Amino acid sequence: MRFFQDIAKYRKYSIYAMKAELKSEVANSYLNWVWWILHPLGMMLVYVFVAEIVFQRSEPYFPVFVFSGQTVWTFFNRSLKQGVNIIRKKKSIITKVYVPKHVLMIQLLLVNLFKMMISFGIVAVLFMAYSVPLSWKILESIPIVSSAIIFTFGISLIALHAGVYIDDLSNVLDIILRFLFYFTGIFYSVETRVPAPFNKILLNVNPMAFFIHSLRNCVLYDTGVNWLLLLIWLGIGIIFIVIGANLIYKHENDYVKVI
């Protein structure tokens, strides 16, 4: 109950801090918020070039295929990497006033969620540009993306706690995420490009590969979602939130001493 009460109590702070963070990111930029569009577009072009030109591999509606996967991965990657250092980054705040530490993670999540929504807006434009046929199954993307957000929040809370005590965790995490990126299928299909049975193993044990694969199936290829596996990963995400919140509440008074 305290967890939800703190979220409700500090919701205005979370929104204000999110807006301040977004404004500070582009305060000294000539292109301002346009970078939030140009950066993901540029990365998409790189992945399309590498896959189609260098390796001569492609998928139906390939730019949309790449951009949809890149959008979900970027949200997960940014949230986890930034979350592990957020206590040290917000040291000037937490040493002066009390703010529940998971609220800091929520504020960070809102920033990345805002950017993800911009990227999904670009995906919608690409849908029209490439005349991608749509069906009612696109509504299944809502529980898929929601489950990915909950999972990301849960594992980021644990990373937040661990990052206070392990200085090198951000470097280790950077290596792990770079390694994981190539097994997630951002610019290739895990199901068709990875030989069996390793493709099924990757889709079952790599949550981001599963979320991205499921999202593409429902919005691009009009196929169903493995609801059982989706519920399993959603449940794991909720368990991570419970573990992370308990760790933070138990040790947050020690964070200032450690940093």
Protein backbone atom coordinates (compact mmCIF):
# COMPACT_ATOMS: atom_id res chain seq x y z
CA MET A 1 0.00 0.00 0.00
CA ARG A 2 2.83 2.39 0.78
CA PHE A 3 4.21 1.86 -2.71
CA PHE A 4 0.98 2.98 -4.39
CA GLN A 5 0.42 5.76 -1.87
CA ASP A 6 3.85 7.20 -2.66
CA ILE A 7 3.13 7.04 -6.38
CA ALA A 8 -0.11 8.97 -5.88
CA LYS A 9 1.46 11.44 -3.45
CA TYR A 10 4.41 12.29 -5.70
CA ARG A 11 2.63 12.08 -9.06
CA LYS A 12 2.82 15.86 -9.59
CA TYR A 13 6.53 15.81 -8.83
CA SER A 14 7.04 12.95 -11.30
CA ILE A 15 5.28 14.85 -14.09
CA TYR A 16 7.07 18.12 -13.31
CA ALA A 17 10.45 16.37 -13.14
CA MET A 18 9.74 14.60 -16.45
CA LYS A 19 8.96 17.91 -18.18
CA ALA A 20 12.06 19.53 -16.69
CA GLU A 21 14.24 16.63 -17.84
CA LEU A 22 12.87 16.79 -21.38
CA LYS A 23 13.39 20.55 -21.57
CA SER A 24 16.95 20.31 -20.23
CA GLU A 25 17.88 17.72 -22.86
CA VAL A 26 17.20 20.10 -25.71
CA ALA A 27 17.88 23.43 -23.99
CA ASN A 28 21.13 24.10 -25.86
CA SER A 29 20.23 22.36 -29.11
CA TYR A 30 19.52 24.19 -32.36
CA LEU A 31 17.15 21.47 -33.57
CA ASN A 32 15.48 21.18 -30.17
CA TRP A 33 12.95 18.32 -29.93
CA VAL A 34 13.51 17.38 -33.60
CA TRP A 35 16.44 15.25 -32.37
CA TRP A 36 13.91 12.90 -30.77
CA ILE A 37 12.77 12.12 -34.32
CA LEU A 38 16.08 12.32 -36.17
CA HIS A 39 17.99 10.00 -33.83
CA PRO A 40 15.71 6.94 -34.11
CA LEU A 41 15.28 7.56 -37.85
CA GLY A 42 19.05 7.65 -38.30
CA MET A 43 19.52 4.42 -36.36
CA MET A 44 16.79 2.75 -38.41
CA LEU A 45 18.56 3.72 -41.65
CA VAL A 46 21.81 2.24 -40.34
CA TYR A 47 20.16 -1.08 -39.46
CA VAL A 48 18.32 -1.21 -42.79
CA PHE A 49 21.55 -0.53 -44.67
CA VAL A 50 23.50 -3.19 -42.78
CA ALA A 51 20.80 -5.85 -43.18
CA GLU A 52 19.65 -5.16 -46.75
CA ILE A 53 22.84 -3.92 -48.42
CA VAL A 54 25.69 -5.54 -46.49
CA PHE A 55 24.14 -8.90 -45.50
CA GLN A 56 21.41 -8.91 -48.16
CA ARG A 57 18.76 -9.99 -45.67
CA SER A 58 15.36 -8.45 -45.33
CA GLU A 59 11.82 -8.95 -44.02
CA PRO A 60 8.42 -7.79 -45.32
CA TYR A 61 7.91 -4.06 -44.62
CA PHE A 62 11.50 -3.97 -43.43
CA PRO A 63 11.77 -0.31 -42.29
CA VAL A 64 8.60 -0.75 -40.21
CA PHE A 65 9.94 -4.09 -38.97
CA VAL A 66 13.19 -2.49 -37.82
CA PHE A 67 11.67 0.66 -36.35
CA SER A 68 9.06 -1.15 -34.27
CA GLY A 69 11.69 -3.41 -32.72
CA GLN A 70 14.14 -0.55 -32.24
CA THR A 71 11.48 1.52 -30.43
CA VAL A 72 10.77 -1.12 -27.79
CA TRP A 73 14.45 -2.01 -27.36
CA THR A 74 15.52 1.63 -26.97
CA PHE A 75 12.95 2.16 -24.21
CA PHE A 76 14.21 -0.90 -22.34
CA ASN A 77 17.88 -0.13 -22.93
CA ARG A 78 17.69 3.53 -21.87
CA SER A 79 15.58 2.86 -18.79
CA LEU A 80 17.86 0.13 -17.50
CA LYS A 81 21.14 1.93 -18.20
CA GLN A 82 19.96 5.25 -16.79
CA GLY A 83 18.20 3.63 -13.84
CA VAL A 84 21.34 1.96 -12.54
CA ASN A 85 22.96 5.40 -11.98
CA ILE A 86 19.91 7.47 -11.10
CA ILE A 87 20.61 7.65 -7.35
CA ARG A 88 24.07 9.08 -7.97
CA LYS A 89 22.72 11.41 -10.65
CA LYS A 90 20.00 12.73 -8.30
CA LYS A 91 22.36 13.01 -5.32
CA SER A 92 21.74 16.75 -4.98
CA ILE A 93 18.03 16.09 -4.53
CA ILE A 94 17.96 13.05 -2.26
CA THR A 95 20.53 14.52 0.14
CA LYS A 96 18.29 17.55 0.79
CA VAL A 97 14.70 16.28 0.69
CA TYR A 98 13.05 12.91 1.00
CA VAL A 99 11.75 11.45 -2.24
CA PRO A 100 10.84 7.76 -2.51
CA LYS A 101 13.54 6.34 -4.70
CA HIS A 102 11.17 4.38 -6.92
CA VAL A 103 9.51 7.71 -7.77
CA LEU A 104 12.81 8.77 -9.36
CA MET A 105 12.62 5.66 -11.49
CA ILE A 106 9.04 6.45 -12.47
CA GLN A 107 10.10 9.94 -13.55
CA LEU A 108 12.85 8.42 -15.70
CA LEU A 109 10.40 5.89 -17.11
CA LEU A 110 8.00 8.69 -18.07
CA VAL A 111 10.77 10.48 -19.98
CA ASN A 112 11.61 7.36 -21.96
CA LEU A 113 7.93 6.53 -22.40
CA PHE A 114 7.35 9.96 -23.93
CA LYS A 115 10.17 9.34 -26.41
CA MET A 116 8.80 5.88 -27.17
CA MET A 117 5.40 7.39 -28.00
CA ILE A 118 7.11 9.75 -30.46
CA SER A 119 8.80 6.76 -32.09
CA PHE A 120 5.49 4.90 -32.31
CA GLY A 121 4.09 7.99 -34.03
CA ILE A 122 6.82 7.60 -36.64
CA VAL A 123 5.90 3.90 -36.93
CA ALA A 124 2.31 4.96 -37.70
CA VAL A 125 3.60 7.21 -40.50
CA LEU A 126 5.67 4.33 -41.89
CA PHE A 127 2.58 2.13 -41.80
CA MET A 128 0.85 4.53 -44.16
CA ALA A 129 3.94 5.06 -46.32
CA TYR A 130 4.39 1.31 -46.90
CA SER A 131 0.64 0.54 -47.07
CA VAL A 132 0.82 -2.02 -44.28
CA PRO A 133 -2.56 -3.78 -43.98
CA LEU A 134 -4.15 -3.41 -40.54
CA SER A 135 -6.56 -5.64 -38.65
CA TRP A 136 -8.17 -5.73 -35.22
CA LYS A 137 -5.13 -7.70 -33.97
CA ILE A 138 -3.24 -4.41 -33.74
CA LEU A 139 -5.15 -3.91 -30.46
CA GLU A 140 -3.12 -6.79 -29.03
CA SER A 141 -0.11 -4.49 -29.13
CA ILE A 142 -1.53 -2.67 -26.07
CA PRO A 143 -1.08 -5.57 -23.59
CA ILE A 144 2.25 -6.46 -25.22
CA VAL A 145 3.74 -2.98 -24.85
CA SER A 146 2.20 -2.61 -21.37
CA SER A 147 3.83 -5.88 -20.26
CA ALA A 148 7.18 -4.69 -21.67
CA ILE A 149 6.86 -1.45 -19.67
CA ILE A 150 6.02 -3.31 -16.44
CA PHE A 151 8.91 -5.73 -16.95
CA THR A 152 11.30 -2.85 -17.66
CA PHE A 153 10.14 -0.99 -14.55
CA GLY A 154 10.63 -4.05 -12.36
CA ILE A 155 14.12 -4.94 -13.51
CA SER A 156 15.13 -1.26 -13.45
CA LEU A 157 14.13 -0.98 -9.78
CA ILE A 158 16.45 -3.86 -8.94
CA ALA A 159 19.21 -2.27 -11.03
CA LEU A 160 18.64 1.05 -9.21
CA HIS A 161 19.24 -0.63 -5.85
CA ALA A 162 22.24 -2.66 -6.99
CA GLY A 163 23.82 0.34 -8.73
CA VAL A 164 24.15 2.16 -5.40
CA TYR A 165 26.47 -0.51 -3.99
CA ILE A 166 28.28 -1.68 -7.14
CA ASP A 167 30.16 1.13 -8.88
CA ASP A 168 31.05 -0.94 -11.93
CA LEU A 169 27.54 -2.25 -12.51
CA SER A 170 26.82 0.33 -15.20
CA ASN A 171 29.86 -0.84 -17.20
CA VAL A 172 28.93 -4.50 -16.77
CA LEU A 173 25.33 -3.74 -17.73
CA ASP A 174 26.47 -1.90 -20.84
CA ILE A 175 28.35 -4.99 -22.01
CA ILE A 176 25.43 -7.30 -21.21
CA LEU A 177 22.96 -5.09 -23.08
CA ARG A 178 25.23 -4.84 -26.12
CA PHE A 179 25.47 -8.63 -26.12
CA LEU A 180 21.71 -9.01 -25.62
CA PHE A 181 20.95 -6.58 -28.43
CA TYR A 182 22.21 -9.00 -31.08
CA PHE A 183 20.09 -11.84 -29.66
CA THR A 184 16.89 -9.81 -29.62
CA GLY A 185 16.27 -9.56 -33.36
CA ILE A 186 16.14 -5.81 -33.88
CA PHE A 187 17.07 -6.03 -37.58
CA TYR A 188 16.33 -9.71 -38.25
CA SER A 189 13.64 -12.23 -37.41
CA VAL A 190 14.69 -14.57 -34.61
CA GLU A 191 12.01 -17.05 -35.64
CA THR A 192 13.10 -17.40 -39.28
CA ARG A 193 16.81 -16.49 -39.25
CA VAL A 194 17.94 -18.49 -36.21
CA PRO A 195 17.92 -22.27 -36.75
CA ALA A 196 15.66 -24.47 -34.65
CA PRO A 197 15.51 -25.19 -31.76
CA PHE A 198 17.60 -22.15 -30.81
CA ASN A 199 15.04 -19.73 -32.24
CA LYS A 200 12.35 -20.99 -29.87
CA ILE A 201 14.78 -20.94 -26.95
CA LEU A 202 15.73 -17.32 -27.65
CA LEU A 203 12.09 -16.24 -27.96
CA ASN A 204 11.18 -18.01 -24.72
CA VAL A 205 14.07 -16.97 -22.48
CA ASN A 206 14.79 -13.48 -23.84
CA PRO A 207 11.86 -11.29 -22.74
CA MET A 208 12.67 -8.40 -25.10
CA ALA A 209 12.95 -10.77 -28.07
CA PHE A 210 9.55 -12.17 -27.12
CA PHE A 211 7.92 -8.75 -26.69
CA ILE A 212 9.31 -7.43 -29.99
CA HIS A 213 8.47 -10.63 -31.90
CA SER A 214 4.90 -10.61 -30.50
CA LEU A 215 4.45 -6.92 -31.35
CA ARG A 216 5.56 -7.46 -34.94
CA ASN A 217 3.32 -10.49 -35.32
CA CYS A 218 0.17 -8.64 -34.32
CA VAL A 219 0.81 -5.34 -36.15
CA LEU A 220 2.61 -6.55 -39.29
CA TYR A 221 1.69 -10.17 -39.93
CA ASP A 222 -1.80 -10.51 -38.38
CA THR A 223 -0.84 -13.55 -36.32
CA GLY A 224 -1.68 -14.41 -32.73
CA VAL A 225 0.18 -13.83 -29.49
CA ASN A 226 1.37 -16.51 -27.09
CA TRP A 227 -0.83 -15.29 -24.24
CA LEU A 228 0.50 -17.83 -21.74
CA LEU A 229 4.09 -16.71 -22.23
CA LEU A 230 2.99 -13.06 -22.17
CA LEU A 231 1.30 -13.63 -18.81
CA ILE A 232 4.42 -15.38 -17.52
CA TRP A 233 6.68 -12.44 -18.42
CA LEU A 234 4.09 -10.01 -17.04
CA GLY A 235 4.07 -11.99 -13.79
CA ILE A 236 7.88 -11.97 -13.66
CA GLY A 237 7.82 -8.20 -14.18
CA ILE A 238 5.40 -7.76 -11.27
CA ILE A 239 7.57 -9.99 -9.08
CA PHE A 240 10.58 -7.84 -9.98
CA ILE A 241 8.62 -4.72 -8.97
CA VAL A 242 7.77 -6.27 -5.60
CA ILE A 243 11.39 -7.33 -5.02
CA GLY A 244 12.80 -3.99 -6.16
CA ALA A 245 10.33 -1.91 -4.12
CA ASN A 246 11.04 -3.94 -0.97
CA LEU A 247 14.81 -3.63 -1.44
CA ILE A 248 14.52 0.13 -1.92
CA TYR A 249 12.26 0.69 1.10
CA LYS A 250 14.53 -1.46 3.25
CA HIS A 251 17.80 0.20 2.26
CA GLU A 252 16.98 3.69 0.96
CA ASN A 253 18.12 5.33 4.20
CA ASP A 254 21.59 3.92 3.56
CA TYR A 255 21.84 5.22 -0.01
CA VAL A 256 22.99 8.70 0.99
CA LYS A 257 25.75 7.24 3.18
CA VAL A 258 27.00 5.00 0.38
CA ILE A 259 27.07 7.61 -2.38
